[in-house]
Amino acid sequence: MQDQPKKIISPFKEGAEEENALAAGKQNQGSRENFVCDDNTTAYTPMDIYAAKEAMAMDAENSNEGGGSEPGSSGSDSTAGSFGGPGGPRVPVDFDVADDPDDSDDSGGRQAGDNHTETRNTTSATPEKRPSVLDELRTYSLNEQVEDMLARKRDAVFVAGRLALAGQVTVFYAGPNTGKTLITLHLLREAIQSGAVTQRVFHINLDDDFPGLIQKAELGNRYGFDVIGSEVFKSPGENFSKLVDMLIEEGVAAEAVFILDTVKKFVNVMDKRDSTAFMTTCRRLTERGGTIIALAHVNKNRHDGVSVPAGTSDLLDDCDCAYVLDIVGEEKVPGGILRSVVFTNNKCRGPSVPSATYSYVKHDEGDYVQMFESVTLLKPDEADRIREENARKAAQAADQTMIYAVTDLLSAGELNQGDIIATLTQSHGFSRRKLTECLRRWSRPPGEGGLWQVRSGDHNRRLYYVTA
């Protein structure tokens, strides 16, 4: 019985098999002595095949140098090496005279019915050339799909302002009560009304109480999106994965836009394995034209005054686009508080804007529909003004103790800088450097946010004073 050649399982396509022309066994722990044939079908890696070729080449070289059996010696000489080289067993091969066209009868060969098994050097048979794993890999090249990919790129549209593109995974990170859901739904409403979004929009809302679900569903009825609650997504991660499978199977993945509110309901964002698996599911959907806007939280602690995405980095690493939302301004207006929120880009694959600032009125009576209708994109100069004003307020709050001390000291009359610093460092224990910075920071006209002013006195002394 002739040994059957090994099989190589393709690493690219499940179930695809390629015959192994080497007809060799698997190498065990790098030992050529254990590299023997058997009748099992084995899935070889490219490194296994490489090792087999190397072993055969070495044995062929040893055979040519006289390392094989002497002429006339028995074919079963146990001193012959593996594949004809010294130091290991030969591979047994069952001779069948019918396989040799020159031996059509039994003369010079074994007698009829003889079960004698001889050994021969396996390098004597020239392997049939087969396509390599690189040839197969090339069949998956995207080079032939460039035109189609360019067409799809030209068709890319924004589904939420200039922040989120169709066919991508976009993540909005924000703290509680920042307005991430409010602004996101407003932007999708605009895209639906303008015709930019023709897909079905689904707000999977797993983060709201019952009244909140009613409010979102009322908006959905009015503006053309669907709200799905937790009664449908009882096991959110598993349910969403199955939903993606069904959309892909039916070929309708590109017809859906999903708002996942919030991500932590779908996946444990502190677990790298779970986060990677979840983003793989999202990627399967977007690769077929689907769109995902995921709403996520930030850490409680800020870094240098800036919000930091919560969880492991996998969500941010694997998405296409990400923004961090921060409240940059609040001011009292009739009926409530005007709140300004800046979207700052952390990652981008496409023409999304680096930042955008939106405002809305948080009404005293908490009317969500009124808040929804009040969302407005601020012009760059207005956004800059609000950011500067917010930065000024933050700096003033940080300096408040020193500001009180300086204004109280200056209430009796103007003083030079040296006297102010000497007095307050002694009485309040302020740092000379920080006090000097505070004096200069707030030395400007009142209309520009100044708290005191300065003039030059005798001998170029800096004299500080407070205007009435």
Protein backbone atom coordinates (compact mmCIF):
# COMPACT_ATOMS: atom_id res chain seq x y z
CA MET A 1 0.00 0.00 0.00
CA GLN A 2 1.56 3.25 -1.11
CA ASP A 3 1.68 6.01 1.51
CA GLN A 4 -0.70 8.88 0.80
CA PRO A 5 0.81 12.37 0.46
CA LYS A 6 0.12 14.94 3.13
CA LYS A 7 -2.48 17.71 2.75
CA ILE A 8 -1.87 21.42 3.32
CA ILE A 9 -4.83 23.41 4.61
CA SER A 10 -5.03 26.93 3.14
CA PRO A 11 -4.51 29.62 5.81
CA PHE A 12 -6.80 32.00 3.92
CA LYS A 13 -9.94 30.05 3.14
CA GLU A 14 -11.60 27.60 5.47
CA GLY A 15 -11.92 24.09 3.97
CA ALA A 16 -9.67 24.79 0.99
CA GLU A 17 -6.98 22.07 0.64
CA GLU A 18 -3.89 21.84 -1.45
CA GLU A 19 -1.99 18.60 -2.03
CA ASN A 20 1.44 18.46 -0.51
CA ALA A 21 3.86 17.49 -3.28
CA LEU A 22 6.55 16.79 -0.71
CA ALA A 23 4.77 13.65 0.59
CA ALA A 24 6.59 14.25 3.84
CA GLY A 25 5.70 14.04 7.51
CA LYS A 26 5.50 16.78 10.07
CA GLN A 27 8.71 17.93 11.72
CA ASN A 28 8.52 17.62 15.47
CA GLN A 29 10.34 20.18 17.68
CA GLY A 30 12.88 20.90 14.96
CA SER A 31 14.17 17.28 14.78
CA ARG A 32 14.68 15.84 11.30
CA GLU A 33 14.64 12.30 12.76
CA ASN A 34 11.00 12.81 13.67
CA PHE A 35 10.14 14.17 10.23
CA VAL A 36 8.45 10.96 8.95
CA CYS A 37 5.51 10.08 6.77
CA ASP A 38 2.26 8.60 8.07
CA ASP A 39 -1.24 8.20 6.71
CA ASN A 40 -2.79 11.12 8.56
CA THR A 41 -3.88 14.33 6.92
CA THR A 42 -2.11 17.21 8.65
CA ALA A 43 -2.62 20.98 8.40
CA TYR A 44 0.89 22.28 7.74
CA THR A 45 1.90 25.85 8.28
CA PRO A 46 4.23 27.56 5.78
CA MET A 47 7.05 27.10 8.30
CA ASP A 48 6.45 23.31 8.37
CA ILE A 49 6.76 23.19 4.58
CA TYR A 50 9.87 25.34 4.64
CA ALA A 51 11.45 23.02 7.21
CA ALA A 52 10.59 19.98 5.05
CA LYS A 53 12.23 21.51 1.99
CA GLU A 54 15.33 22.40 3.99
CA ALA A 55 15.59 18.83 5.33
CA MET A 56 15.21 17.33 1.85
CA ALA A 57 17.82 19.65 0.41
CA MET A 58 20.30 18.71 3.12
CA ASP A 59 19.66 14.98 2.62
CA ALA A 60 20.12 15.30 -1.13
CA GLU A 61 23.46 17.04 -0.53
CA ASN A 62 24.56 14.34 1.92
CA SER A 63 23.56 11.62 -0.56
CA ASN A 64 25.58 13.23 -3.35
CA GLU A 65 28.60 13.37 -1.05
CA GLY A 66 28.44 9.64 -0.44
CA GLY A 67 26.58 9.79 2.84
CA GLY A 68 23.93 7.28 1.66
CA SER A 69 24.09 3.47 1.48
CA GLU A 70 26.93 1.78 -0.35
CA PRO A 71 26.19 0.20 -3.74
CA GLY A 72 24.90 -3.28 -3.31
CA SER A 73 23.96 -2.78 0.30
CA SER A 74 20.51 -3.72 1.46
CA GLY A 75 17.81 -1.15 0.81
CA SER A 76 16.74 -1.46 4.43
CA ASP A 77 20.11 -0.49 5.88
CA SER A 78 19.28 1.08 9.23
CA THR A 79 22.45 3.17 9.18
CA ALA A 80 21.15 5.26 6.29
CA GLY A 81 19.93 8.69 7.26
CA SER A 82 16.44 10.16 7.05
CA PHE A 83 15.60 10.94 3.43
CA GLY A 84 18.88 9.19 2.43
CA GLY A 85 21.20 10.97 4.86
CA PRO A 86 23.07 9.38 7.78
CA GLY A 87 21.84 9.13 11.30
CA GLY A 88 18.14 8.19 11.00
CA PRO A 89 15.62 5.73 9.52
CA ARG A 90 14.66 5.72 5.92
CA VAL A 91 11.08 6.30 4.85
CA PRO A 92 9.49 2.98 3.91
CA VAL A 93 7.97 2.96 0.43
CA ASP A 94 5.93 0.05 -0.92
CA PHE A 95 7.30 -0.66 -4.43
CA ASP A 96 4.67 -1.42 -7.02
CA VAL A 97 6.29 -2.54 -10.28
CA ALA A 98 3.28 -1.29 -12.19
CA ASP A 99 4.27 2.24 -11.19
CA ASP A 100 7.49 1.93 -13.22
CA PRO A 101 6.91 2.00 -16.99
CA ASP A 102 10.26 0.25 -17.53
CA ASP A 103 9.27 -2.70 -15.32
CA SER A 104 6.11 -4.03 -16.91
CA ASP A 105 6.89 -7.57 -15.66
CA ASP A 106 8.35 -9.05 -12.49
CA SER A 107 11.88 -9.60 -13.89
CA GLY A 108 14.57 -7.91 -11.81
CA GLY A 109 11.96 -6.89 -9.28
CA ARG A 110 10.07 -8.68 -6.58
CA GLN A 111 8.29 -11.95 -7.23
CA ALA A 112 4.53 -12.01 -7.63
CA GLY A 113 2.86 -12.02 -4.23
CA ASP A 114 6.09 -11.00 -2.53
CA ASN A 115 5.31 -8.60 0.32
CA HIS A 116 8.90 -7.37 0.46
CA THR A 117 9.12 -3.64 1.26
CA GLU A 118 12.22 -1.75 0.22
CA THR A 119 13.40 1.71 1.17
CA ARG A 120 14.43 4.39 -1.22
CA ASN A 121 15.57 7.97 -1.00
CA THR A 122 12.48 10.17 -1.22
CA THR A 123 14.49 12.84 -3.02
CA SER A 124 14.67 10.58 -6.07
CA ALA A 125 11.16 11.61 -7.06
CA THR A 126 10.84 15.17 -8.39
CA PRO A 127 7.88 16.87 -6.64
CA GLU A 128 5.22 18.28 -8.89
CA LYS A 129 5.30 22.10 -8.81
CA ARG A 130 2.29 23.50 -6.98
CA PRO A 131 1.11 27.11 -6.45
CA SER A 132 2.76 28.56 -3.35
CA VAL A 133 1.00 30.20 -0.45
CA LEU A 134 2.16 33.55 -1.86
CA ASP A 135 0.36 32.80 -5.13
CA GLU A 136 -2.82 32.17 -3.19
CA LEU A 137 -2.32 35.27 -1.08
CA ARG A 138 -2.06 37.34 -4.25
CA THR A 139 -5.55 36.27 -5.30
CA TYR A 140 -6.84 38.36 -2.38
CA SER A 141 -5.02 41.51 -3.51
CA LEU A 142 -7.06 44.72 -3.59
CA ASN A 143 -5.20 46.00 -6.63
CA GLU A 144 -7.92 44.85 -9.01
CA GLN A 145 -10.59 46.58 -6.90
CA VAL A 146 -9.12 50.09 -6.94
CA GLU A 147 -11.73 51.55 -9.33
CA ASP A 148 -14.59 50.20 -7.25
CA MET A 149 -12.97 51.45 -4.05
CA LEU A 150 -12.49 54.93 -5.54
CA ALA A 151 -16.15 55.03 -6.55
CA ARG A 152 -17.19 54.13 -3.04
CA LYS A 153 -14.87 56.81 -1.64
CA ARG A 154 -16.47 59.49 -3.85
CA ASP A 155 -19.88 58.43 -2.61
CA ALA A 156 -18.92 59.01 1.05
CA VAL A 157 -21.29 61.39 2.82
CA PHE A 158 -21.52 62.88 6.28
CA VAL A 159 -24.31 61.61 8.49
CA ALA A 160 -23.72 63.94 11.47
CA GLY A 161 -22.53 67.46 10.71
CA ARG A 162 -18.95 67.34 9.50
CA LEU A 163 -18.10 64.85 12.23
CA ALA A 164 -19.25 61.36 11.19
CA LEU A 165 -18.98 59.73 7.75
CA ALA A 166 -21.24 57.03 6.34
CA GLY A 167 -19.52 53.64 6.26
CA GLN A 168 -17.36 54.34 9.31
CA VAL A 169 -17.28 53.70 13.05
CA THR A 170 -17.30 57.08 14.83
CA VAL A 171 -17.04 57.39 18.61
CA PHE A 172 -18.17 60.44 20.62
CA TYR A 173 -16.66 60.49 24.13
CA ALA A 174 -18.35 62.72 26.71
CA GLY A 175 -19.18 63.03 30.37
CA PRO A 176 -22.71 62.73 31.78
CA ASN A 177 -25.14 65.53 30.88
CA THR A 178 -22.77 66.98 28.30
CA GLY A 179 -25.38 66.66 25.55
CA LYS A 180 -23.83 63.92 23.41
CA THR A 181 -27.15 62.15 22.68
CA LEU A 182 -29.00 65.44 22.20
CA ILE A 183 -26.52 66.87 19.69
CA THR A 184 -26.02 63.53 17.87
CA LEU A 185 -29.76 63.07 17.28
CA HIS A 186 -30.08 66.70 16.18
CA LEU A 187 -27.28 66.26 13.63
CA LEU A 188 -28.88 63.07 12.28
CA ARG A 189 -32.20 64.91 12.02
CA GLU A 190 -30.50 67.54 9.86
CA ALA A 191 -28.92 64.86 7.63
CA ILE A 192 -32.28 63.08 7.20
CA GLN A 193 -34.10 66.29 6.33
CA SER A 194 -31.41 67.38 3.85
CA GLY A 195 -31.47 63.99 2.09
CA ALA A 196 -27.83 63.26 2.94
CA VAL A 197 -28.99 60.21 4.90
CA THR A 198 -31.36 57.90 3.05
CA GLN A 199 -30.62 54.85 5.20
CA ARG A 200 -32.75 53.71 8.09
CA VAL A 201 -31.51 55.28 11.32
CA PHE A 202 -31.77 53.27 14.54
CA HIS A 203 -31.08 54.77 17.96
CA ILE A 204 -30.37 51.78 20.20
CA ASN A 205 -31.01 53.50 23.51
CA LEU A 206 -29.90 51.40 26.47
CA ASP A 207 -28.99 54.33 28.74
CA ASP A 208 -32.34 56.08 29.32
CA ASP A 209 -35.15 55.75 31.81
CA PHE A 210 -38.74 55.24 30.65
CA PRO A 211 -39.62 58.98 30.31
CA GLY A 212 -36.40 59.50 28.39
CA LEU A 213 -37.31 56.72 25.95
CA ILE A 214 -40.69 58.35 25.38
CA GLN A 215 -39.02 61.69 24.60
CA LYS A 216 -36.61 60.12 22.09
CA ALA A 217 -39.39 58.06 20.47
CA GLU A 218 -41.53 61.19 20.03
CA LEU A 219 -38.62 62.89 18.29
CA GLY A 220 -38.13 59.77 16.16
CA ASN A 221 -41.75 59.86 15.03
CA ARG A 222 -41.38 63.51 14.10
CA TYR A 223 -38.03 63.36 12.32
CA GLY A 224 -37.74 59.86 10.87
CA PHE A 225 -35.55 57.66 13.07
CA ASP A 226 -36.38 54.59 15.15
CA VAL A 227 -35.68 54.15 18.85
CA ILE A 228 -34.94 50.63 20.15
CA GLY A 229 -34.89 49.96 23.89
CA SER A 230 -33.43 47.41 26.26
CA GLU A 231 -36.48 45.11 26.02
CA VAL A 232 -35.18 44.09 22.59
CA PHE A 233 -31.45 44.11 23.43
CA LYS A 234 -31.51 42.07 26.63
CA SER A 235 -27.98 40.78 25.94
CA PRO A 236 -26.72 43.79 23.97
CA GLY A 237 -23.34 42.51 22.81
CA GLU A 238 -24.65 39.15 21.66
CA ASN A 239 -27.84 40.64 20.19
CA PHE A 240 -25.93 43.23 18.18
CA SER A 241 -23.49 40.63 16.84
CA LYS A 242 -26.37 38.45 15.64
CA LEU A 243 -28.06 41.49 14.10
CA VAL A 244 -24.90 42.26 12.13
CA ASP A 245 -24.76 38.64 10.92
CA MET A 246 -28.33 38.86 9.66
CA LEU A 247 -27.80 42.21 7.91
CA ILE A 248 -24.73 40.87 6.13
CA GLU A 249 -26.49 37.64 5.16
CA GLU A 250 -29.44 39.57 3.71
CA GLY A 251 -27.12 42.05 1.97
CA VAL A 252 -28.69 45.12 3.59
CA ALA A 253 -25.86 46.25 5.91
CA ALA A 254 -25.35 49.45 3.90
CA GLU A 255 -28.97 50.47 4.48
CA ALA A 256 -28.56 51.04 8.23
CA VAL A 257 -27.14 53.73 10.52
CA PHE A 258 -26.83 52.78 14.20
CA ILE A 259 -26.40 55.03 17.23
CA LEU A 260 -25.15 52.85 20.09
CA ASP A 261 -26.09 54.59 23.33
CA THR A 262 -23.91 53.84 25.20
CA VAL A 263 -21.00 51.58 24.34
CA LYS A 264 -20.52 50.31 27.89
CA LYS A 265 -23.93 48.61 27.63
CA PHE A 266 -22.65 46.54 24.68
CA VAL A 267 -19.16 45.68 25.89
CA ASN A 268 -16.95 45.81 28.94
CA VAL A 269 -14.74 48.70 27.86
CA MET A 270 -12.21 47.81 30.56
CA ASP A 271 -11.58 44.40 28.98
CA LYS A 272 -9.23 44.41 25.99
CA ARG A 273 -10.42 41.05 24.64
CA ASP A 274 -14.10 42.07 24.80
CA SER A 275 -13.40 45.48 23.30
CA THR A 276 -11.45 43.98 20.41
CA ALA A 277 -14.20 41.44 19.68
CA PHE A 278 -16.85 44.17 19.77
CA MET A 279 -14.91 46.41 17.37
CA THR A 280 -14.42 43.43 15.06
CA THR A 281 -18.21 43.08 14.89
CA CYS A 282 -18.54 46.80 14.14
CA ARG A 283 -15.88 46.53 11.43
CA ARG A 284 -17.71 43.66 9.74
CA LEU A 285 -20.75 45.92 9.41
CA THR A 286 -18.90 48.98 8.10
CA GLU A 287 -16.91 46.90 5.60
CA ARG A 288 -20.26 46.23 3.95
CA GLY A 289 -21.36 49.87 3.99
CA GLY A 290 -23.04 50.11 7.39
CA THR A 291 -22.54 53.10 9.70
CA ILE A 292 -22.05 53.23 13.47
CA ILE A 293 -21.96 56.22 15.81
CA ALA A 294 -21.00 54.97 19.26
CA LEU A 295 -21.52 57.15 22.33
CA ALA A 296 -18.98 56.52 25.09
CA HIS A 297 -17.95 57.97 28.45
CA VAL A 298 -14.83 59.75 29.65
CA ASN A 299 -12.83 59.23 32.84
CA LYS A 300 -13.91 61.09 35.94
CA ASN A 301 -10.46 62.64 36.25
CA ARG A 302 -9.34 65.08 33.58
CA HIS A 303 -5.80 65.44 32.27
CA ASP A 304 -4.54 69.05 32.11
CA GLY A 305 -8.15 70.19 32.08
CA VAL A 306 -9.09 67.95 29.12
CA SER A 307 -11.45 64.96 29.18
CA VAL A 308 -9.88 61.54 28.66
CA PRO A 309 -11.66 58.58 26.98
CA ALA A 310 -12.66 55.88 29.46
CA GLY A 311 -11.72 52.21 29.17
CA THR A 312 -8.89 50.53 27.31
CA SER A 313 -7.45 52.08 24.15
CA ASP A 314 -8.94 49.39 21.86
CA LEU A 315 -12.10 51.35 21.09
CA LEU A 316 -10.10 54.41 20.08
CA ASP A 317 -7.45 52.34 18.27
CA ASP A 318 -9.94 50.39 16.14
CA CYS A 319 -12.51 53.06 15.25
CA ASP A 320 -12.28 55.29 12.17
CA CYS A 321 -12.98 58.61 13.83
CA ALA A 322 -13.25 59.83 17.42
CA TYR A 323 -14.16 63.09 19.15
CA VAL A 324 -13.98 64.12 22.80
CA LEU A 325 -16.73 66.48 23.96
CA ASP A 326 -16.18 69.19 26.58
CA ILE A 327 -18.41 71.91 27.95
CA VAL A 328 -16.55 75.14 27.17
CA GLY A 329 -19.06 77.73 28.25
CA GLU A 330 -22.24 78.32 30.19
CA GLU A 331 -24.11 81.59 30.56
CA LYS A 332 -27.49 82.56 31.91
CA VAL A 333 -30.14 83.34 29.31
CA PRO A 334 -33.92 83.82 29.60
CA GLY A 335 -35.51 80.50 30.49
CA GLY A 336 -32.33 78.58 31.22
CA ILE A 337 -28.59 78.25 30.63
CA LEU A 338 -26.87 78.50 27.26
CA ARG A 339 -24.32 75.70 27.17
CA SER A 340 -21.54 75.43 24.57
CA VAL A 341 -19.91 72.08 23.80
CA VAL A 342 -16.77 71.62 21.72
CA PHE A 343 -16.07 68.43 19.73
CA THR A 344 -12.29 67.93 19.56
CA ASN A 345 -10.99 65.32 17.13
CA ASN A 346 -8.73 62.58 18.52
CA LYS A 347 -8.60 60.37 15.43
CA CYS A 348 -9.68 60.79 11.84
CA ARG A 349 -9.77 58.76 8.62
CA GLY A 350 -11.33 61.15 6.17
CA PRO A 351 -12.26 64.83 5.75
CA SER A 352 -13.88 65.28 9.18
CA VAL A 353 -13.25 68.65 10.83
CA PRO A 354 -10.64 69.03 13.60
CA SER A 355 -13.20 70.61 15.91
CA ALA A 356 -16.72 71.97 16.02
CA THR A 357 -18.66 73.82 18.72
CA TYR A 358 -22.39 73.48 19.31
CA SER A 359 -24.64 75.27 21.77
CA TYR A 360 -28.06 74.51 23.21
CA VAL A 361 -30.30 75.98 25.88
CA LYS A 362 -30.76 73.81 28.94
CA HIS A 363 -34.24 74.99 29.93
CA ASP A 364 -35.21 75.39 33.55
CA GLU A 365 -38.29 73.22 33.10
CA GLY A 366 -36.22 70.48 31.45
CA ASP A 367 -38.19 70.37 28.18
CA TYR A 368 -36.17 67.97 25.99
CA VAL A 369 -37.91 68.95 22.75
CA GLN A 370 -37.07 72.62 23.34
CA MET A 371 -33.44 71.70 24.04
CA PHE A 372 -33.40 69.58 20.87
CA GLU A 373 -34.70 72.45 18.76
CA SER A 374 -32.19 74.90 20.28
CA VAL A 375 -29.03 73.04 19.13
CA THR A 376 -26.92 75.38 16.99
CA LEU A 377 -23.54 75.13 15.28
CA LEU A 378 -21.46 78.12 16.33
CA LYS A 379 -19.37 80.05 13.84
CA PRO A 380 -15.61 79.81 14.38
CA ASP A 381 -15.24 83.37 15.73
CA GLU A 382 -18.11 82.91 18.18
CA ALA A 383 -16.70 79.54 19.25
CA ASP A 384 -13.29 81.15 19.79
CA ARG A 385 -14.86 83.92 21.87
CA ILE A 386 -16.63 81.41 24.07
CA ARG A 387 -13.48 79.31 24.50
CA GLU A 388 -11.44 82.38 25.45
CA GLU A 389 -14.08 83.50 27.90
CA ASN A 390 -14.24 80.04 29.42
CA ALA A 391 -10.44 79.92 29.70
CA ARG A 392 -10.48 83.33 31.38
CA LYS A 393 -13.05 82.19 33.92
CA ALA A 394 -11.09 79.03 34.66
CA ALA A 395 -7.86 80.97 35.18
CA GLN A 396 -9.63 83.51 37.38
CA ALA A 397 -11.05 80.71 39.51
CA ALA A 398 -7.57 79.23 39.91
CA ASP A 399 -6.14 82.63 40.99
CA GLN A 400 -9.11 83.63 43.15
CA THR A 401 -7.29 83.58 46.52
CA MET A 402 -4.44 85.78 45.24
CA ILE A 403 -6.89 88.07 43.41
CA TYR A 404 -8.79 88.75 46.66
CA ALA A 405 -5.55 89.51 48.49
CA VAL A 406 -4.23 91.88 45.79
CA THR A 407 -7.50 93.83 45.35
CA ASP A 408 -7.84 94.19 49.13
CA LEU A 409 -4.28 95.53 49.34
CA LEU A 410 -4.81 97.93 46.41
CA SER A 411 -8.07 99.26 47.84
CA ALA A 412 -5.98 101.61 50.04
CA GLY A 413 -4.14 103.06 47.02
CA GLU A 414 -1.60 102.21 44.36
CA LEU A 415 1.49 100.21 45.22
CA ASN A 416 4.58 99.17 43.33
CA GLN A 417 5.13 95.54 42.43
CA GLY A 418 7.95 95.00 44.90
CA ASP A 419 5.86 96.15 47.87
CA ILE A 420 2.90 93.99 46.83
CA ILE A 421 5.02 90.86 46.51
CA ALA A 422 6.92 91.47 49.76
CA THR A 423 3.72 92.07 51.73
CA LEU A 424 1.65 89.17 50.39
CA THR A 425 4.42 86.55 50.40
CA GLN A 426 4.90 87.31 54.09
CA SER A 427 1.25 87.60 55.11
CA HIS A 428 -0.25 84.86 52.93
CA GLY A 429 2.71 82.64 52.05
CA PHE A 430 2.20 83.02 48.29
CA SER A 431 4.93 81.94 45.89
CA ARG A 432 6.78 84.97 44.49
CA ARG A 433 6.67 83.49 40.98
CA LYS A 434 2.95 82.73 41.04
CA LEU A 435 2.11 86.09 42.55
CA THR A 436 4.13 87.91 39.86
CA GLU A 437 2.31 85.93 37.15
CA CYS A 438 -1.05 86.75 38.72
CA LEU A 439 -0.28 90.48 38.81
CA ARG A 440 0.67 90.53 35.13
CA ARG A 441 -2.17 88.19 34.03
CA TRP A 442 -4.93 90.49 35.30
CA SER A 443 -3.25 93.83 34.49
CA ARG A 444 -5.43 94.98 31.58
CA PRO A 445 -8.41 97.26 30.92
CA PRO A 446 -11.70 96.21 32.54
CA GLY A 447 -13.31 95.73 29.13
CA GLU A 448 -10.75 93.04 28.35
CA GLY A 449 -11.29 91.15 31.58
CA GLY A 450 -8.70 93.04 33.65
CA LEU A 451 -8.99 93.37 37.43
CA TRP A 452 -6.40 96.13 37.96
CA GLN A 453 -4.16 98.32 35.86
CA VAL A 454 -0.49 99.27 35.90
CA ARG A 455 1.51 102.41 35.09
CA SER A 456 5.17 103.36 35.12
CA GLY A 457 6.33 105.38 38.15
CA ASP A 458 9.62 106.93 39.16
CA HIS A 459 12.68 104.93 38.20
CA ASN A 460 10.47 102.75 35.94
CA ARG A 461 8.73 101.17 38.89
CA ARG A 462 5.52 99.30 38.05
CA LEU A 463 2.65 100.86 39.99
CA TYR A 464 -0.60 98.86 40.30
CA TYR A 465 -4.00 100.43 41.03
CA VAL A 466 -7.68 99.54 40.97
CA THR A 467 -10.09 101.73 39.02
CA ALA A 468 -13.39 102.72 40.59
